[in-house]
Amino acid sequence: MTRRLLASHLALTVVVLVALEVPLAIVNARNEQQDLTAKVERDAFVFASYAEDTLQGGVARSPRLVTIARNYQSATGGRVVIVDKKGQSIADSHPTVANESSFSSRPEIAAALRGKTVTGIRRSDTLDTKLLYVAVPVASGGDVFGAVRITYPTSALDRRLNRYRL
């Protein structure tokens, strides 16, 4: 009798915990992703302001921006790519393919070059991983001079969420 009573109480406790914890984990995951996206978007706009004068001047490559982008990547782990209005790279914190210079085919870069700020998560076939991305236009006076894209592997976010769930 006491075993059945104990088992029923234990089962009820498990059901209540699952009913409370699953929605909490889902909300936490959404909040963590939105928080990271907002921080990366802010950083991308800062990069866009740094790059504005360089892109307006029509520079093909910027060692100063490359240095800033590499410092950012070593501090945060996010890859920074800055492109001109044709989608050609003027700064890349960590090129993944030798002599990679054209990013115009990337949907987030193309959208930023049309003046839109875009964020999301997509799969990178080059890196074989999921990436959180933010792409913002580099614009002044209604003219778009280029774009800034920052990407992060979602693996760090996934690890943090799994620790929270456990």
N, C-alpha and C. Protein backbone atom coordinates (compact mmCIF):
# COMPACT_ATOMS: atom_id res chain seq x y z
N MET A 1 0.82 -1.20 0.00
CA MET A 1 0.00 0.00 0.00
C MET A 1 0.86 1.26 0.00
N THR A 2 1.87 1.30 0.86
CA THR A 2 2.71 2.50 0.92
C THR A 2 3.54 2.65 -0.35
N ARG A 3 3.89 1.50 -0.97
CA ARG A 3 4.64 1.58 -2.23
C ARG A 3 3.78 2.21 -3.33
N ARG A 4 2.55 1.81 -3.42
CA ARG A 4 1.66 2.38 -4.43
C ARG A 4 1.44 3.87 -4.18
N LEU A 5 1.25 4.23 -2.95
CA LEU A 5 1.06 5.62 -2.58
C LEU A 5 2.32 6.44 -2.90
N LEU A 6 3.48 5.90 -2.59
CA LEU A 6 4.74 6.56 -2.89
C LEU A 6 4.94 6.69 -4.40
N ALA A 7 4.63 5.64 -5.14
CA ALA A 7 4.76 5.66 -6.59
C ALA A 7 3.82 6.69 -7.21
N SER A 8 2.60 6.77 -6.71
CA SER A 8 1.66 7.74 -7.28
C SER A 8 2.09 9.18 -6.97
N HIS A 9 2.61 9.41 -5.77
CA HIS A 9 3.11 10.74 -5.44
C HIS A 9 4.35 11.11 -6.27
N LEU A 10 5.20 10.14 -6.47
CA LEU A 10 6.39 10.35 -7.29
C LEU A 10 6.00 10.65 -8.74
N ALA A 11 5.06 9.91 -9.27
CA ALA A 11 4.60 10.14 -10.64
C ALA A 11 3.96 11.52 -10.77
N LEU A 12 3.16 11.91 -9.81
CA LEU A 12 2.54 13.23 -9.81
C LEU A 12 3.59 14.34 -9.74
N THR A 13 4.61 14.15 -8.94
CA THR A 13 5.70 15.12 -8.83
C THR A 13 6.44 15.27 -10.15
N VAL A 14 6.71 14.17 -10.82
CA VAL A 14 7.40 14.20 -12.12
C VAL A 14 6.55 14.93 -13.15
N VAL A 15 5.27 14.65 -13.18
CA VAL A 15 4.37 15.32 -14.14
C VAL A 15 4.34 16.82 -13.89
N VAL A 16 4.25 17.23 -12.64
CA VAL A 16 4.22 18.66 -12.31
C VAL A 16 5.54 19.32 -12.69
N LEU A 17 6.66 18.68 -12.39
CA LEU A 17 7.96 19.25 -12.75
C LEU A 17 8.12 19.40 -14.26
N VAL A 18 7.73 18.40 -15.00
CA VAL A 18 7.83 18.48 -16.46
C VAL A 18 6.92 19.58 -16.99
N ALA A 19 5.71 19.66 -16.45
CA ALA A 19 4.76 20.67 -16.92
C ALA A 19 5.26 22.08 -16.64
N LEU A 20 6.06 22.26 -15.59
CA LEU A 20 6.58 23.58 -15.28
C LEU A 20 7.91 23.88 -15.97
N GLU A 21 8.78 22.89 -16.03
CA GLU A 21 10.15 23.11 -16.53
C GLU A 21 10.25 23.19 -18.04
N VAL A 22 9.47 22.45 -18.78
CA VAL A 22 9.57 22.47 -20.25
C VAL A 22 9.24 23.86 -20.80
N PRO A 23 8.12 24.47 -20.41
CA PRO A 23 7.86 25.83 -20.92
C PRO A 23 8.92 26.83 -20.46
N LEU A 24 9.42 26.67 -19.24
CA LEU A 24 10.46 27.55 -18.74
C LEU A 24 11.72 27.43 -19.58
N ALA A 25 12.10 26.23 -19.96
CA ALA A 25 13.28 26.01 -20.80
C ALA A 25 13.10 26.62 -22.19
N ILE A 26 11.90 26.52 -22.74
CA ILE A 26 11.62 27.10 -24.06
C ILE A 26 11.71 28.62 -24.01
N VAL A 27 11.12 29.23 -23.00
CA VAL A 27 11.17 30.68 -22.84
C VAL A 27 12.61 31.14 -22.62
N ASN A 28 13.36 30.42 -21.81
CA ASN A 28 14.75 30.78 -21.56
C ASN A 28 15.58 30.71 -22.84
N ALA A 29 15.38 29.68 -23.65
CA ALA A 29 16.12 29.55 -24.91
C ALA A 29 15.81 30.73 -25.82
N ARG A 30 14.56 31.10 -25.93
CA ARG A 30 14.17 32.23 -26.77
C ARG A 30 14.81 33.53 -26.25
N ASN A 31 14.78 33.72 -24.94
CA ASN A 31 15.35 34.94 -24.36
C ASN A 31 16.87 35.00 -24.54
N GLU A 32 17.55 33.88 -24.36
CA GLU A 32 19.00 33.85 -24.55
C GLU A 32 19.36 34.19 -25.99
N GLN A 33 18.63 33.63 -26.95
CA GLN A 33 18.90 33.90 -28.36
C GLN A 33 18.63 35.37 -28.69
N GLN A 34 17.53 35.91 -28.19
CA GLN A 34 17.21 37.31 -28.45
C GLN A 34 18.24 38.24 -27.81
N ASP A 35 18.72 37.89 -26.62
CA ASP A 35 19.72 38.69 -25.94
C ASP A 35 21.03 38.71 -26.73
N LEU A 36 21.48 37.54 -27.17
CA LEU A 36 22.71 37.46 -27.96
C LEU A 36 22.55 38.20 -29.28
N THR A 37 21.41 38.05 -29.93
CA THR A 37 21.17 38.73 -31.20
C THR A 37 21.20 40.24 -31.03
N ALA A 38 20.60 40.75 -29.96
CA ALA A 38 20.59 42.19 -29.71
C ALA A 38 22.01 42.72 -29.48
N LYS A 39 22.81 41.97 -28.74
CA LYS A 39 24.19 42.39 -28.49
C LYS A 39 25.01 42.39 -29.78
N VAL A 40 24.84 41.35 -30.58
CA VAL A 40 25.59 41.26 -31.84
C VAL A 40 25.13 42.35 -32.80
N GLU A 41 23.84 42.63 -32.83
CA GLU A 41 23.31 43.69 -33.70
C GLU A 41 23.90 45.05 -33.30
N ARG A 42 23.99 45.30 -32.02
CA ARG A 42 24.60 46.55 -31.55
C ARG A 42 26.06 46.63 -32.01
N ASP A 43 26.80 45.52 -31.88
CA ASP A 43 28.20 45.49 -32.31
C ASP A 43 28.31 45.72 -33.82
N ALA A 44 27.39 45.14 -34.59
CA ALA A 44 27.43 45.30 -36.05
C ALA A 44 27.20 46.76 -36.43
N PHE A 45 26.32 47.46 -35.72
CA PHE A 45 26.10 48.88 -36.02
C PHE A 45 27.33 49.71 -35.66
N VAL A 46 28.04 49.31 -34.61
CA VAL A 46 29.29 50.01 -34.27
C VAL A 46 30.31 49.81 -35.39
N PHE A 47 30.44 48.58 -35.88
CA PHE A 47 31.34 48.32 -37.00
C PHE A 47 30.93 49.12 -38.24
N ALA A 48 29.63 49.21 -38.47
CA ALA A 48 29.15 49.97 -39.63
C ALA A 48 29.56 51.43 -39.52
N SER A 49 29.51 52.00 -38.33
CA SER A 49 29.93 53.39 -38.17
C SER A 49 31.43 53.55 -38.37
N TYR A 50 32.23 52.55 -37.92
CA TYR A 50 33.68 52.57 -38.18
C TYR A 50 33.97 52.49 -39.68
N ALA A 51 33.21 51.68 -40.38
CA ALA A 51 33.49 51.41 -41.79
C ALA A 51 32.93 52.45 -42.74
N GLU A 52 32.05 53.31 -42.27
CA GLU A 52 31.35 54.23 -43.17
C GLU A 52 32.31 55.10 -43.98
N ASP A 53 33.25 55.77 -43.33
CA ASP A 53 34.17 56.66 -44.06
C ASP A 53 35.04 55.88 -45.04
N THR A 54 35.49 54.70 -44.62
CA THR A 54 36.32 53.88 -45.49
C THR A 54 35.57 53.47 -46.74
N LEU A 55 34.32 53.01 -46.56
CA LEU A 55 33.52 52.58 -47.71
C LEU A 55 33.11 53.74 -48.60
N GLN A 56 32.85 54.90 -48.01
CA GLN A 56 32.51 56.07 -48.83
C GLN A 56 33.70 56.47 -49.69
N GLY A 57 34.91 56.24 -49.20
CA GLY A 57 36.11 56.58 -49.94
C GLY A 57 36.45 55.58 -51.03
N GLY A 58 35.73 54.46 -51.09
CA GLY A 58 35.95 53.46 -52.13
C GLY A 58 37.20 52.62 -51.95
N VAL A 59 37.64 52.44 -50.72
CA VAL A 59 38.84 51.64 -50.44
C VAL A 59 38.56 50.17 -50.72
N ALA A 60 39.51 49.48 -51.38
CA ALA A 60 39.33 48.07 -51.73
C ALA A 60 39.67 47.14 -50.57
N ARG A 61 40.57 47.53 -49.69
CA ARG A 61 40.97 46.70 -48.55
C ARG A 61 41.36 47.64 -47.42
N SER A 62 41.00 47.32 -46.19
CA SER A 62 41.31 48.20 -45.07
C SER A 62 42.02 47.44 -43.96
N PRO A 63 43.34 47.60 -43.85
CA PRO A 63 44.08 46.93 -42.77
C PRO A 63 43.59 47.35 -41.38
N ARG A 64 43.18 48.61 -41.24
CA ARG A 64 42.67 49.08 -39.93
C ARG A 64 41.41 48.32 -39.54
N LEU A 65 40.48 48.17 -40.49
CA LEU A 65 39.25 47.44 -40.19
C LEU A 65 39.52 45.95 -39.96
N VAL A 66 40.48 45.37 -40.69
CA VAL A 66 40.84 43.97 -40.49
C VAL A 66 41.36 43.78 -39.07
N THR A 67 42.20 44.70 -38.59
CA THR A 67 42.74 44.62 -37.23
C THR A 67 41.64 44.71 -36.19
N ILE A 68 40.72 45.65 -36.37
CA ILE A 68 39.60 45.80 -35.43
C ILE A 68 38.73 44.54 -35.45
N ALA A 69 38.47 44.01 -36.64
CA ALA A 69 37.64 42.80 -36.76
C ALA A 69 38.31 41.60 -36.10
N ARG A 70 39.61 41.44 -36.30
CA ARG A 70 40.33 40.33 -35.66
C ARG A 70 40.35 40.46 -34.14
N ASN A 71 40.53 41.67 -33.65
CA ASN A 71 40.49 41.89 -32.20
C ASN A 71 39.11 41.54 -31.64
N TYR A 72 38.07 41.90 -32.38
CA TYR A 72 36.71 41.57 -31.95
C TYR A 72 36.52 40.05 -31.91
N GLN A 73 37.00 39.36 -32.94
CA GLN A 73 36.84 37.91 -32.97
C GLN A 73 37.61 37.24 -31.84
N SER A 74 38.81 37.69 -31.56
CA SER A 74 39.57 37.05 -30.49
C SER A 74 38.94 37.34 -29.13
N ALA A 75 38.25 38.47 -28.98
CA ALA A 75 37.60 38.79 -27.71
C ALA A 75 36.24 38.11 -27.54
N THR A 76 35.50 37.92 -28.64
CA THR A 76 34.13 37.42 -28.53
C THR A 76 33.86 36.10 -29.23
N GLY A 77 34.67 35.75 -30.22
CA GLY A 77 34.43 34.54 -30.99
C GLY A 77 33.57 34.76 -32.23
N GLY A 78 33.13 36.00 -32.45
CA GLY A 78 32.29 36.29 -33.60
C GLY A 78 33.12 36.68 -34.82
N ARG A 79 32.78 36.13 -35.96
CA ARG A 79 33.47 36.46 -37.21
C ARG A 79 32.84 37.71 -37.82
N VAL A 80 33.67 38.66 -38.21
CA VAL A 80 33.21 39.91 -38.79
C VAL A 80 33.63 39.97 -40.25
N VAL A 81 32.67 40.28 -41.12
CA VAL A 81 32.96 40.49 -42.54
C VAL A 81 32.36 41.85 -42.90
N ILE A 82 33.20 42.69 -43.52
CA ILE A 82 32.74 43.99 -43.99
C ILE A 82 32.92 44.01 -45.50
N VAL A 83 31.84 44.33 -46.22
CA VAL A 83 31.87 44.31 -47.69
C VAL A 83 31.49 45.67 -48.25
N ASP A 84 31.94 45.91 -49.48
CA ASP A 84 31.55 47.14 -50.18
C ASP A 84 30.17 46.95 -50.81
N LYS A 85 29.71 47.93 -51.58
CA LYS A 85 28.35 47.86 -52.13
C LYS A 85 28.18 46.78 -53.20
N LYS A 86 29.28 46.19 -53.68
CA LYS A 86 29.20 45.08 -54.63
C LYS A 86 29.31 43.73 -53.94
N GLY A 87 29.48 43.74 -52.62
CA GLY A 87 29.59 42.49 -51.87
C GLY A 87 31.01 41.96 -51.79
N GLN A 88 31.99 42.78 -52.18
CA GLN A 88 33.40 42.38 -52.12
C GLN A 88 33.96 42.71 -50.74
N SER A 89 34.66 41.77 -50.15
CA SER A 89 35.21 41.93 -48.80
C SER A 89 36.30 42.99 -48.77
N ILE A 90 36.17 43.92 -47.79
CA ILE A 90 37.27 44.85 -47.53
C ILE A 90 37.93 44.52 -46.19
N ALA A 91 37.24 43.70 -45.37
CA ALA A 91 37.80 43.26 -44.10
C ALA A 91 37.09 41.97 -43.69
N ASP A 92 37.88 41.00 -43.24
CA ASP A 92 37.34 39.72 -42.79
C ASP A 92 38.21 39.25 -41.62
N SER A 93 37.59 39.03 -40.48
CA SER A 93 38.36 38.66 -39.30
C SER A 93 38.94 37.25 -39.38
N HIS A 94 38.31 36.38 -40.17
CA HIS A 94 38.79 35.00 -40.25
C HIS A 94 38.28 34.35 -41.54
N PRO A 95 38.97 34.59 -42.66
CA PRO A 95 38.52 33.96 -43.91
C PRO A 95 38.53 32.44 -43.79
N THR A 96 37.45 31.81 -44.20
CA THR A 96 37.37 30.34 -44.09
C THR A 96 37.82 29.64 -45.36
N VAL A 97 37.83 30.37 -46.47
CA VAL A 97 38.27 29.83 -47.75
C VAL A 97 39.37 30.75 -48.27
N ALA A 98 40.45 30.18 -48.77
CA ALA A 98 41.54 31.01 -49.29
C ALA A 98 41.03 31.93 -50.41
N ASN A 99 41.44 33.18 -50.34
CA ASN A 99 41.08 34.20 -51.33
C ASN A 99 39.58 34.43 -51.46
N GLU A 100 38.83 34.14 -50.41
CA GLU A 100 37.40 34.40 -50.42
C GLU A 100 37.18 35.91 -50.38
N SER A 101 36.54 36.45 -51.40
CA SER A 101 36.36 37.90 -51.42
C SER A 101 34.93 38.33 -51.74
N SER A 102 34.16 37.50 -52.41
CA SER A 102 32.80 37.90 -52.77
C SER A 102 31.78 37.25 -51.85
N PHE A 103 30.98 38.09 -51.21
CA PHE A 103 29.93 37.62 -50.31
C PHE A 103 28.55 38.02 -50.82
N SER A 104 28.48 38.49 -52.04
CA SER A 104 27.20 38.98 -52.57
C SER A 104 26.15 37.89 -52.70
N SER A 105 26.56 36.63 -52.77
CA SER A 105 25.59 35.54 -52.89
C SER A 105 24.99 35.14 -51.54
N ARG A 106 25.56 35.60 -50.44
CA ARG A 106 25.01 35.28 -49.13
C ARG A 106 23.71 36.05 -48.93
N PRO A 107 22.62 35.39 -48.58
CA PRO A 107 21.32 36.09 -48.50
C PRO A 107 21.31 37.23 -47.49
N GLU A 108 21.99 37.07 -46.36
CA GLU A 108 21.98 38.13 -45.35
C GLU A 108 22.77 39.35 -45.83
N ILE A 109 23.86 39.12 -46.56
CA ILE A 109 24.65 40.23 -47.12
C ILE A 109 23.82 40.95 -48.20
N ALA A 110 23.19 40.17 -49.06
CA ALA A 110 22.36 40.77 -50.13
C ALA A 110 21.26 41.64 -49.54
N ALA A 111 20.62 41.17 -48.46
CA ALA A 111 19.56 41.96 -47.82
C ALA A 111 20.13 43.24 -47.21
N ALA A 112 21.29 43.13 -46.55
CA ALA A 112 21.90 44.32 -45.95
C ALA A 112 22.30 45.33 -47.03
N LEU A 113 22.75 44.85 -48.18
CA LEU A 113 23.12 45.75 -49.27
C LEU A 113 21.89 46.44 -49.88
N ARG A 114 20.71 45.87 -49.63
CA ARG A 114 19.46 46.54 -50.04
C ARG A 114 18.94 47.47 -48.95
N GLY A 115 19.71 47.62 -47.86
CA GLY A 115 19.34 48.56 -46.80
C GLY A 115 18.59 47.96 -45.64
N LYS A 116 18.51 46.64 -45.56
CA LYS A 116 17.77 45.98 -44.49
C LYS A 116 18.72 45.43 -43.43
N THR A 117 18.27 45.47 -42.19
CA THR A 117 18.98 44.81 -41.10
C THR A 117 18.35 43.43 -40.94
N VAL A 118 19.16 42.38 -41.00
CA VAL A 118 18.62 41.02 -40.91
C VAL A 118 19.36 40.24 -39.83
N THR A 119 18.60 39.38 -39.15
CA THR A 119 19.16 38.49 -38.13
C THR A 119 18.53 37.12 -38.29
N GLY A 120 19.18 36.13 -37.76
CA GLY A 120 18.62 34.80 -37.79
C GLY A 120 19.65 33.73 -37.53
N ILE A 121 19.22 32.50 -37.75
CA ILE A 121 20.11 31.35 -37.62
C ILE A 121 20.01 30.57 -38.92
N ARG A 122 21.16 30.19 -39.45
CA ARG A 122 21.18 29.40 -40.67
C ARG A 122 22.33 28.41 -40.59
N ARG A 123 22.26 27.42 -41.44
CA ARG A 123 23.31 26.41 -41.52
C ARG A 123 24.39 26.89 -42.49
N SER A 124 25.64 26.75 -42.08
CA SER A 124 26.76 27.08 -42.95
C SER A 124 27.32 25.78 -43.52
N ASP A 125 27.21 25.62 -44.84
CA ASP A 125 27.77 24.43 -45.48
C ASP A 125 29.29 24.47 -45.44
N THR A 126 29.87 25.65 -45.51
CA THR A 126 31.33 25.80 -45.48
C THR A 126 31.89 25.32 -44.16
N LEU A 127 31.26 25.72 -43.05
CA LEU A 127 31.74 25.37 -41.72
C LEU A 127 31.07 24.12 -41.15
N ASP A 128 30.02 23.65 -41.81
CA ASP A 128 29.26 22.48 -41.35
C ASP A 128 28.74 22.68 -39.92
N THR A 129 28.13 23.84 -39.70
CA THR A 129 27.57 24.15 -38.39
C THR A 129 26.46 25.18 -38.54
N LYS A 130 25.67 25.36 -37.48
CA LYS A 130 24.64 26.39 -37.47
C LYS A 130 25.26 27.69 -36.97
N LEU A 131 24.86 28.79 -37.61
CA LEU A 131 25.38 30.10 -37.25
C LEU A 131 24.26 31.07 -36.92
N LEU A 132 24.47 31.86 -35.88
CA LEU A 132 23.62 33.00 -35.63
C LEU A 132 24.27 34.16 -36.39
N TYR A 133 23.49 34.88 -37.18
CA TYR A 133 24.05 35.96 -37.97
C TYR A 133 23.28 37.26 -37.77
N VAL A 134 24.01 38.35 -37.96
CA VAL A 134 23.43 39.68 -37.99
C VAL A 134 24.12 40.40 -39.14
N ALA A 135 23.35 41.00 -40.03
CA ALA A 135 23.91 41.79 -41.12
C ALA A 135 23.21 43.14 -41.15
N VAL A 136 24.01 44.20 -41.20
CA VAL A 136 23.47 45.55 -41.20
C VAL A 136 24.08 46.34 -42.36
N PRO A 137 23.32 47.28 -42.90
CA PRO A 137 23.89 48.10 -43.98
C PRO A 137 24.83 49.16 -43.42
N VAL A 138 25.81 49.54 -44.22
CA VAL A 138 26.64 50.70 -43.93
C VAL A 138 26.09 51.79 -44.84
N ALA A 139 25.38 52.73 -44.24
CA ALA A 139 24.66 53.71 -45.05
C ALA A 139 24.82 55.11 -44.47
N SER A 140 24.64 56.07 -45.36
CA SER A 140 24.67 57.46 -44.96
C SER A 140 23.84 58.25 -45.97
N GLY A 141 22.96 59.09 -45.45
CA GLY A 141 22.14 59.92 -46.33
C GLY A 141 21.28 59.14 -47.29
N GLY A 142 20.86 57.94 -46.90
CA GLY A 142 20.02 57.11 -47.76
C GLY A 142 20.77 56.27 -48.77
N ASP A 143 22.08 56.45 -48.87
CA ASP A 143 22.90 55.64 -49.78
C ASP A 143 23.57 54.51 -49.01
N VAL A 144 23.53 53.31 -49.57
CA VAL A 144 24.18 52.15 -48.95
C VAL A 144 25.56 52.00 -49.60
N PHE A 145 26.59 51.99 -48.75
CA PHE A 145 27.97 51.88 -49.23
C PHE A 145 28.56 50.49 -49.03
N GLY A 146 27.87 49.67 -48.24
CA GLY A 146 28.36 48.33 -47.97
C GLY A 146 27.54 47.69 -46.87
N ALA A 147 28.11 46.65 -46.26
CA ALA A 147 27.40 45.93 -45.21
C ALA A 147 28.40 45.32 -44.23
N VAL A 148 27.92 45.08 -43.03
CA VAL A 148 28.69 44.39 -41.99
C VAL A 148 27.89 43.16 -41.59
N ARG A 149 28.58 42.02 -41.55
CA ARG A 149 27.94 40.78 -41.06
C ARG A 149 28.79 40.22 -39.94
N ILE A 150 28.13 39.86 -38.86
CA ILE A 150 28.80 39.17 -37.75
C ILE A 150 28.09 37.83 -37.57
N THR A 151 28.89 36.76 -37.48
CA THR A 151 28.32 35.43 -37.27
C THR A 151 28.95 34.78 -36.04
N TYR A 152 28.14 33.98 -35.36
CA TYR A 152 28.58 33.19 -34.21
C TYR A 152 28.10 31.76 -34.39
N PRO A 153 28.95 30.77 -34.12
CA PRO A 153 28.44 29.39 -34.08
C PRO A 153 27.43 29.27 -32.94
N THR A 154 26.35 28.58 -33.17
CA THR A 154 25.34 28.44 -32.11
C THR A 154 25.74 27.42 -31.06
N SER A 155 26.87 26.75 -31.25
CA SER A 155 27.29 25.71 -30.30
C SER A 155 27.48 26.26 -28.90
N ALA A 156 28.05 27.46 -28.75
CA ALA A 156 28.25 28.04 -27.42
C ALA A 156 26.90 28.35 -26.76
N LEU A 157 25.97 28.87 -27.54
CA LEU A 157 24.63 29.14 -27.02
C LEU A 157 23.94 27.84 -26.63
N ASP A 158 24.07 26.81 -27.47
CA ASP A 158 23.46 25.51 -27.19
C ASP A 158 24.01 24.91 -25.90
N ARG A 159 25.34 25.03 -25.69
CA ARG A 159 25.94 24.51 -24.45
C ARG A 159 25.39 25.22 -23.22
N ARG A 160 25.27 26.54 -23.32
CA ARG A 160 24.74 27.33 -22.18
C ARG A 160 23.29 26.93 -21.90
N LEU A 161 22.49 26.73 -22.94
CA LEU A 161 21.09 26.33 -22.75
C LEU A 161 21.00 24.93 -22.16
N ASN A 162 21.84 24.01 -22.61
CA ASN A 162 21.82 22.65 -22.06
C ASN A 162 22.21 22.64 -20.58
N ARG A 163 23.20 23.47 -20.20
CA ARG A 163 23.57 23.57 -18.78
C ARG A 163 22.39 24.08 -17.96
N TYR A 164 21.68 25.07 -18.49
CA TYR A 164 20.53 25.62 -17.79
C TYR A 164 19.44 24.55 -17.64
N ARG A 165 19.18 23.82 -18.70
CA ARG A 165 18.13 22.80 -18.64
C ARG A 165 18.45 21.72 -17.63
N LEU A 166 19.72 21.33 -17.58
CA LEU A 166 20.10 20.30 -16.60
C LEU A 166 20.00 20.84 -15.19
